Amino acid sequence: MKKVVVLVILVLFLCSCAKEEKVEVKEISCTKMKELVSNGAFLLDVRSEEEYNINHLHEAVNYPYETIGEEISSSLSNKESVIIVYCQSGRRSAIAAQTLLDLGYKHVYDLGAIGNC
């Protein structure tokens, strides 16, 4: 009987673990980005300040990808916020997006390169 109880507990534990939602970075188009930003999404340019000052997308805020972990929580404490990241080529935005997921943000989109818009 003890073996059956242990087996049932083990099965229930494994089933509850299987329901854990895996959060992943989602790629996004320029059209969808504009729609989300118009509905309050946080648009984040993760290039350097110099690159941002030369050119950036309308409504974008600049947090260089190297400092995103330190800076984002002061501006955006709600982990359910929609965040869209972009950079020059897509490399830094991918790193920043993963950092945001690691920090617990649930709705992270990667536009990739600024040239995608």
N, C-alpha and C. Protein backbone atom coordinates (compact mmCIF):
# COMPACT_ATOMS: atom_id res chain seq x y z
N MET A 1 0.82 -1.20 0.00
CA MET A 1 0.00 0.00 0.00
C MET A 1 0.86 1.26 0.00
N LYS A 2 1.97 1.21 0.77
CA LYS A 2 2.85 2.37 0.83
C LYS A 2 3.42 2.68 -0.56
N LYS A 3 3.73 1.63 -1.32
CA LYS A 3 4.28 1.83 -2.65
C LYS A 3 3.28 2.52 -3.56
N VAL A 4 2.01 2.17 -3.42
CA VAL A 4 0.96 2.79 -4.24
C VAL A 4 0.83 4.27 -3.89
N VAL A 5 0.84 4.60 -2.61
CA VAL A 5 0.74 5.99 -2.17
C VAL A 5 1.93 6.79 -2.69
N VAL A 6 3.12 6.26 -2.57
CA VAL A 6 4.32 6.94 -3.07
C VAL A 6 4.23 7.12 -4.58
N LEU A 7 3.77 6.12 -5.29
CA LEU A 7 3.62 6.20 -6.74
C LEU A 7 2.61 7.27 -7.13
N VAL A 8 1.49 7.33 -6.44
CA VAL A 8 0.47 8.35 -6.73
C VAL A 8 1.03 9.75 -6.47
N ILE A 9 1.73 9.93 -5.38
CA ILE A 9 2.34 11.24 -5.06
C ILE A 9 3.35 11.61 -6.13
N LEU A 10 4.15 10.67 -6.56
CA LEU A 10 5.15 10.92 -7.60
C LEU A 10 4.48 11.32 -8.92
N VAL A 11 3.43 10.63 -9.29
CA VAL A 11 2.71 10.95 -10.53
C VAL A 11 2.09 12.34 -10.44
N LEU A 12 1.48 12.66 -9.32
CA LEU A 12 0.89 14.00 -9.14
C LEU A 12 1.95 15.08 -9.21
N PHE A 13 3.09 14.84 -8.62
CA PHE A 13 4.20 15.80 -8.66
C PHE A 13 4.67 16.01 -10.09
N LEU A 14 4.85 14.94 -10.83
CA LEU A 14 5.31 15.05 -12.21
C LEU A 14 4.29 15.75 -13.08
N CYS A 15 3.02 15.51 -12.85
CA CYS A 15 1.98 16.19 -13.62
C CYS A 15 1.96 17.68 -13.33
N SER A 16 2.16 18.06 -12.09
CA SER A 16 2.16 19.49 -11.75
C SER A 16 3.36 20.18 -12.36
N CYS A 17 4.48 19.49 -12.46
CA CYS A 17 5.67 20.07 -13.09
C CYS A 17 5.46 20.24 -14.59
N ALA A 18 4.75 19.33 -15.20
CA ALA A 18 4.51 19.40 -16.64
C ALA A 18 3.65 20.60 -17.00
N LYS A 19 2.84 21.08 -16.07
CA LYS A 19 1.97 22.22 -16.34
C LYS A 19 2.70 23.55 -16.25
N GLU A 20 3.94 23.53 -15.76
CA GLU A 20 4.70 24.77 -15.63
C GLU A 20 4.88 25.40 -17.01
N GLU A 21 4.49 26.65 -17.12
CA GLU A 21 4.53 27.34 -18.40
C GLU A 21 5.94 27.82 -18.69
N LYS A 22 6.44 27.46 -19.86
CA LYS A 22 7.76 27.91 -20.28
C LYS A 22 7.59 29.24 -21.01
N VAL A 23 8.30 30.25 -20.54
CA VAL A 23 8.21 31.57 -21.14
C VAL A 23 9.37 31.73 -22.10
N GLU A 24 9.07 32.13 -23.32
CA GLU A 24 10.09 32.30 -24.34
C GLU A 24 9.97 33.68 -24.98
N VAL A 25 11.07 34.13 -25.54
CA VAL A 25 11.08 35.36 -26.32
C VAL A 25 10.32 35.09 -27.60
N LYS A 26 9.47 36.03 -27.97
CA LYS A 26 8.72 35.90 -29.21
C LYS A 26 9.24 36.93 -30.21
N GLU A 27 9.42 36.51 -31.45
CA GLU A 27 9.79 37.46 -32.49
C GLU A 27 8.53 38.22 -32.90
N ILE A 28 8.73 39.47 -33.37
CA ILE A 28 7.58 40.31 -33.66
C ILE A 28 7.85 41.12 -34.93
N SER A 29 6.79 41.38 -35.67
CA SER A 29 6.91 42.20 -36.88
C SER A 29 6.77 43.68 -36.52
N CYS A 30 7.15 44.53 -37.44
CA CYS A 30 7.03 45.97 -37.22
C CYS A 30 5.56 46.36 -37.04
N THR A 31 4.69 45.79 -37.84
CA THR A 31 3.25 46.11 -37.75
C THR A 31 2.71 45.74 -36.38
N LYS A 32 3.03 44.55 -35.90
CA LYS A 32 2.55 44.11 -34.59
C LYS A 32 3.17 44.95 -33.48
N MET A 33 4.45 45.32 -33.64
CA MET A 33 5.11 46.18 -32.65
C MET A 33 4.37 47.49 -32.51
N LYS A 34 4.02 48.12 -33.63
CA LYS A 34 3.31 49.40 -33.60
C LYS A 34 1.96 49.26 -32.89
N GLU A 35 1.28 48.17 -33.15
CA GLU A 35 -0.01 47.91 -32.50
C GLU A 35 0.16 47.78 -30.98
N LEU A 36 1.15 47.00 -30.56
CA LEU A 36 1.38 46.80 -29.14
C LEU A 36 1.81 48.09 -28.45
N VAL A 37 2.68 48.86 -29.09
CA VAL A 37 3.13 50.12 -28.51
C VAL A 37 1.96 51.09 -28.36
N SER A 38 1.06 51.11 -29.35
CA SER A 38 -0.11 51.99 -29.23
C SER A 38 -1.04 51.56 -28.10
N ASN A 39 -0.90 50.30 -27.66
CA ASN A 39 -1.69 49.79 -26.54
C ASN A 39 -0.90 49.77 -25.23
N GLY A 40 0.26 50.46 -25.20
CA GLY A 40 0.98 50.60 -23.95
C GLY A 40 2.22 49.76 -23.77
N ALA A 41 2.64 49.01 -24.78
CA ALA A 41 3.86 48.21 -24.65
C ALA A 41 5.06 49.14 -24.50
N PHE A 42 6.08 48.64 -23.83
CA PHE A 42 7.31 49.37 -23.56
C PHE A 42 8.31 49.01 -24.66
N LEU A 43 8.68 50.00 -25.49
CA LEU A 43 9.61 49.79 -26.59
C LEU A 43 11.00 50.16 -26.13
N LEU A 44 11.92 49.23 -26.24
CA LEU A 44 13.24 49.37 -25.65
C LEU A 44 14.34 49.22 -26.71
N ASP A 45 15.09 50.29 -26.90
CA ASP A 45 16.24 50.30 -27.79
C ASP A 45 17.45 49.93 -26.94
N VAL A 46 18.09 48.81 -27.25
CA VAL A 46 19.18 48.32 -26.41
C VAL A 46 20.56 48.60 -27.01
N ARG A 47 20.61 49.52 -27.96
CA ARG A 47 21.90 49.93 -28.54
C ARG A 47 22.57 50.93 -27.61
N SER A 48 23.74 51.40 -28.01
CA SER A 48 24.45 52.39 -27.20
C SER A 48 23.71 53.72 -27.24
N GLU A 49 24.02 54.58 -26.28
CA GLU A 49 23.41 55.91 -26.24
C GLU A 49 23.74 56.69 -27.52
N GLU A 50 24.95 56.54 -28.02
CA GLU A 50 25.36 57.24 -29.24
C GLU A 50 24.52 56.80 -30.43
N GLU A 51 24.30 55.49 -30.57
CA GLU A 51 23.47 54.98 -31.67
C GLU A 51 22.04 55.48 -31.53
N TYR A 52 21.53 55.45 -30.31
CA TYR A 52 20.17 55.92 -30.06
C TYR A 52 20.02 57.39 -30.44
N ASN A 53 21.00 58.21 -30.09
CA ASN A 53 20.93 59.64 -30.38
C ASN A 53 20.96 59.94 -31.87
N ILE A 54 21.58 59.08 -32.65
CA ILE A 54 21.62 59.26 -34.11
C ILE A 54 20.26 58.95 -34.72
N ASN A 55 19.64 57.88 -34.27
CA ASN A 55 18.36 57.45 -34.84
C ASN A 55 17.73 56.42 -33.92
N HIS A 56 16.43 56.51 -33.72
CA HIS A 56 15.71 55.50 -32.95
C HIS A 56 14.24 55.49 -33.36
N LEU A 57 13.55 54.43 -33.01
CA LEU A 57 12.13 54.33 -33.30
C LEU A 57 11.33 55.23 -32.36
N HIS A 58 10.24 55.79 -32.90
CA HIS A 58 9.37 56.66 -32.12
C HIS A 58 8.90 55.94 -30.86
N GLU A 59 8.95 56.61 -29.75
CA GLU A 59 8.52 56.13 -28.43
C GLU A 59 9.49 55.15 -27.76
N ALA A 60 10.64 54.90 -28.38
CA ALA A 60 11.60 53.97 -27.77
C ALA A 60 12.37 54.65 -26.64
N VAL A 61 12.64 53.87 -25.62
CA VAL A 61 13.48 54.28 -24.50
C VAL A 61 14.80 53.55 -24.66
N ASN A 62 15.89 54.19 -24.29
CA ASN A 62 17.21 53.60 -24.48
C ASN A 62 17.79 53.08 -23.18
N TYR A 63 18.03 51.76 -23.14
CA TYR A 63 18.80 51.12 -22.08
C TYR A 63 19.79 50.19 -22.79
N PRO A 64 21.06 50.56 -22.86
CA PRO A 64 22.03 49.67 -23.50
C PRO A 64 21.94 48.26 -22.91
N TYR A 65 22.09 47.26 -23.77
CA TYR A 65 21.86 45.88 -23.34
C TYR A 65 22.75 45.47 -22.18
N GLU A 66 23.94 46.07 -22.06
CA GLU A 66 24.84 45.69 -20.97
C GLU A 66 24.30 46.11 -19.61
N THR A 67 23.43 47.11 -19.58
CA THR A 67 22.94 47.65 -18.31
C THR A 67 21.46 47.37 -18.08
N ILE A 68 20.85 46.61 -18.94
CA ILE A 68 19.40 46.42 -18.86
C ILE A 68 18.96 45.81 -17.53
N GLY A 69 19.72 44.90 -16.99
CA GLY A 69 19.36 44.27 -15.72
C GLY A 69 19.31 45.25 -14.57
N GLU A 70 20.17 46.24 -14.61
CA GLU A 70 20.22 47.24 -13.54
C GLU A 70 19.17 48.33 -13.73
N GLU A 71 18.84 48.67 -14.96
CA GLU A 71 18.01 49.84 -15.23
C GLU A 71 16.52 49.54 -15.37
N ILE A 72 16.16 48.37 -15.86
CA ILE A 72 14.76 48.12 -16.20
C ILE A 72 13.84 48.11 -14.99
N SER A 73 14.28 47.59 -13.88
CA SER A 73 13.38 47.48 -12.72
C SER A 73 12.98 48.84 -12.16
N SER A 74 13.81 49.87 -12.36
CA SER A 74 13.44 51.20 -11.87
C SER A 74 12.34 51.82 -12.73
N SER A 75 12.25 51.41 -13.99
CA SER A 75 11.23 51.95 -14.89
C SER A 75 10.02 51.05 -15.02
N LEU A 76 10.23 49.78 -14.88
CA LEU A 76 9.19 48.82 -15.19
C LEU A 76 9.21 47.67 -14.18
N SER A 77 8.51 47.86 -13.08
CA SER A 77 8.52 46.84 -12.04
C SER A 77 7.49 45.73 -12.28
N ASN A 78 6.48 45.99 -13.10
CA ASN A 78 5.44 45.01 -13.37
C ASN A 78 5.96 43.94 -14.33
N LYS A 79 6.13 42.74 -13.85
CA LYS A 79 6.68 41.63 -14.64
C LYS A 79 5.72 41.16 -15.72
N GLU A 80 4.47 41.62 -15.70
CA GLU A 80 3.48 41.27 -16.71
C GLU A 80 3.45 42.28 -17.86
N SER A 81 4.27 43.31 -17.77
CA SER A 81 4.32 44.33 -18.82
C SER A 81 4.80 43.73 -20.14
N VAL A 82 4.29 44.29 -21.23
CA VAL A 82 4.75 43.88 -22.56
C VAL A 82 5.97 44.72 -22.90
N ILE A 83 7.07 44.04 -23.24
CA ILE A 83 8.33 44.71 -23.57
C ILE A 83 8.78 44.25 -24.95
N ILE A 84 9.13 45.22 -25.78
CA ILE A 84 9.64 44.94 -27.12
C ILE A 84 11.05 45.50 -27.20
N VAL A 85 12.01 44.69 -27.61
CA VAL A 85 13.40 45.13 -27.70
C VAL A 85 13.86 45.11 -29.15
N TYR A 86 14.79 46.02 -29.45
CA TYR A 86 15.44 46.02 -30.76
C TYR A 86 16.84 46.60 -30.62
N CYS A 87 17.66 46.36 -31.66
CA CYS A 87 19.03 46.91 -31.70
C CYS A 87 19.41 47.17 -33.15
N GLN A 88 20.68 47.13 -33.45
CA GLN A 88 21.13 47.41 -34.82
C GLN A 88 20.99 46.18 -35.72
N SER A 89 21.38 45.02 -35.23
CA SER A 89 21.39 43.83 -36.08
C SER A 89 20.54 42.67 -35.57
N GLY A 90 20.16 42.71 -34.30
CA GLY A 90 19.38 41.63 -33.71
C GLY A 90 20.14 40.84 -32.66
N ARG A 91 21.45 40.97 -32.63
CA ARG A 91 22.26 40.21 -31.66
C ARG A 91 22.04 40.73 -30.24
N ARG A 92 22.19 42.03 -30.05
CA ARG A 92 22.03 42.60 -28.71
C ARG A 92 20.59 42.50 -28.22
N SER A 93 19.63 42.62 -29.12
CA SER A 93 18.24 42.50 -28.69
C SER A 93 17.93 41.09 -28.21
N ALA A 94 18.53 40.09 -28.84
CA ALA A 94 18.34 38.70 -28.38
C ALA A 94 18.91 38.51 -26.98
N ILE A 95 20.08 39.08 -26.73
CA ILE A 95 20.69 38.99 -25.40
C ILE A 95 19.83 39.71 -24.37
N ALA A 96 19.38 40.91 -24.72
CA ALA A 96 18.54 41.70 -23.81
C ALA A 96 17.22 41.00 -23.52
N ALA A 97 16.62 40.42 -24.55
CA ALA A 97 15.35 39.73 -24.36
C ALA A 97 15.51 38.55 -23.40
N GLN A 98 16.58 37.79 -23.55
CA GLN A 98 16.82 36.67 -22.64
C GLN A 98 17.07 37.17 -21.22
N THR A 99 17.79 38.28 -21.08
CA THR A 99 18.02 38.86 -19.77
C THR A 99 16.70 39.24 -19.11
N LEU A 100 15.80 39.82 -19.88
CA LEU A 100 14.49 40.21 -19.34
C LEU A 100 13.70 38.98 -18.88
N LEU A 101 13.75 37.92 -19.66
CA LEU A 101 13.08 36.68 -19.23
C LEU A 101 13.70 36.15 -17.95
N ASP A 102 15.02 36.18 -17.88
CA ASP A 102 15.71 35.71 -16.68
C ASP A 102 15.36 36.55 -15.45
N LEU A 103 15.02 37.81 -15.67
CA LEU A 103 14.61 38.70 -14.58
C LEU A 103 13.14 38.50 -14.18
N GLY A 104 12.44 37.67 -14.95
CA GLY A 104 11.06 37.34 -14.60
C GLY A 104 9.98 38.03 -15.41
N TYR A 105 10.36 38.82 -16.41
CA TYR A 105 9.35 39.44 -17.27
C TYR A 105 8.74 38.36 -18.16
N LYS A 106 7.43 38.41 -18.33
CA LYS A 106 6.71 37.32 -18.98
C LYS A 106 6.40 37.55 -20.46
N HIS A 107 6.27 38.81 -20.88
CA HIS A 107 5.84 39.13 -22.24
C HIS A 107 6.91 39.93 -22.96
N VAL A 108 7.91 39.22 -23.46
CA VAL A 108 9.07 39.85 -24.09
C VAL A 108 9.07 39.51 -25.58
N TYR A 109 9.14 40.56 -26.39
CA TYR A 109 9.17 40.41 -27.84
C TYR A 109 10.48 40.96 -28.37
N ASP A 110 11.01 40.32 -29.40
CA ASP A 110 12.24 40.76 -30.04
C ASP A 110 11.93 41.19 -31.47
N LEU A 111 12.05 42.50 -31.72
CA LEU A 111 11.88 43.03 -33.07
C LEU A 111 13.12 42.75 -33.91
N GLY A 112 14.24 42.54 -33.25
CA GLY A 112 15.49 42.30 -33.96
C GLY A 112 16.15 43.61 -34.32
N ALA A 113 16.43 43.80 -35.60
CA ALA A 113 17.14 44.98 -36.08
C ALA A 113 16.21 46.18 -36.28
N ILE A 114 16.73 47.36 -36.01
CA ILE A 114 15.97 48.60 -36.23
C ILE A 114 15.53 48.70 -37.69
N GLY A 115 16.31 48.13 -38.58
CA GLY A 115 15.96 48.15 -40.00
C GLY A 115 14.73 47.35 -40.35
N ASN A 116 14.22 46.57 -39.43
CA ASN A 116 13.00 45.80 -39.66
C ASN A 116 11.76 46.69 -39.69
N CYS A 117 11.94 47.94 -39.32
CA CYS A 117 10.83 48.90 -39.37
C CYS A 117 11.16 49.99 -40.34
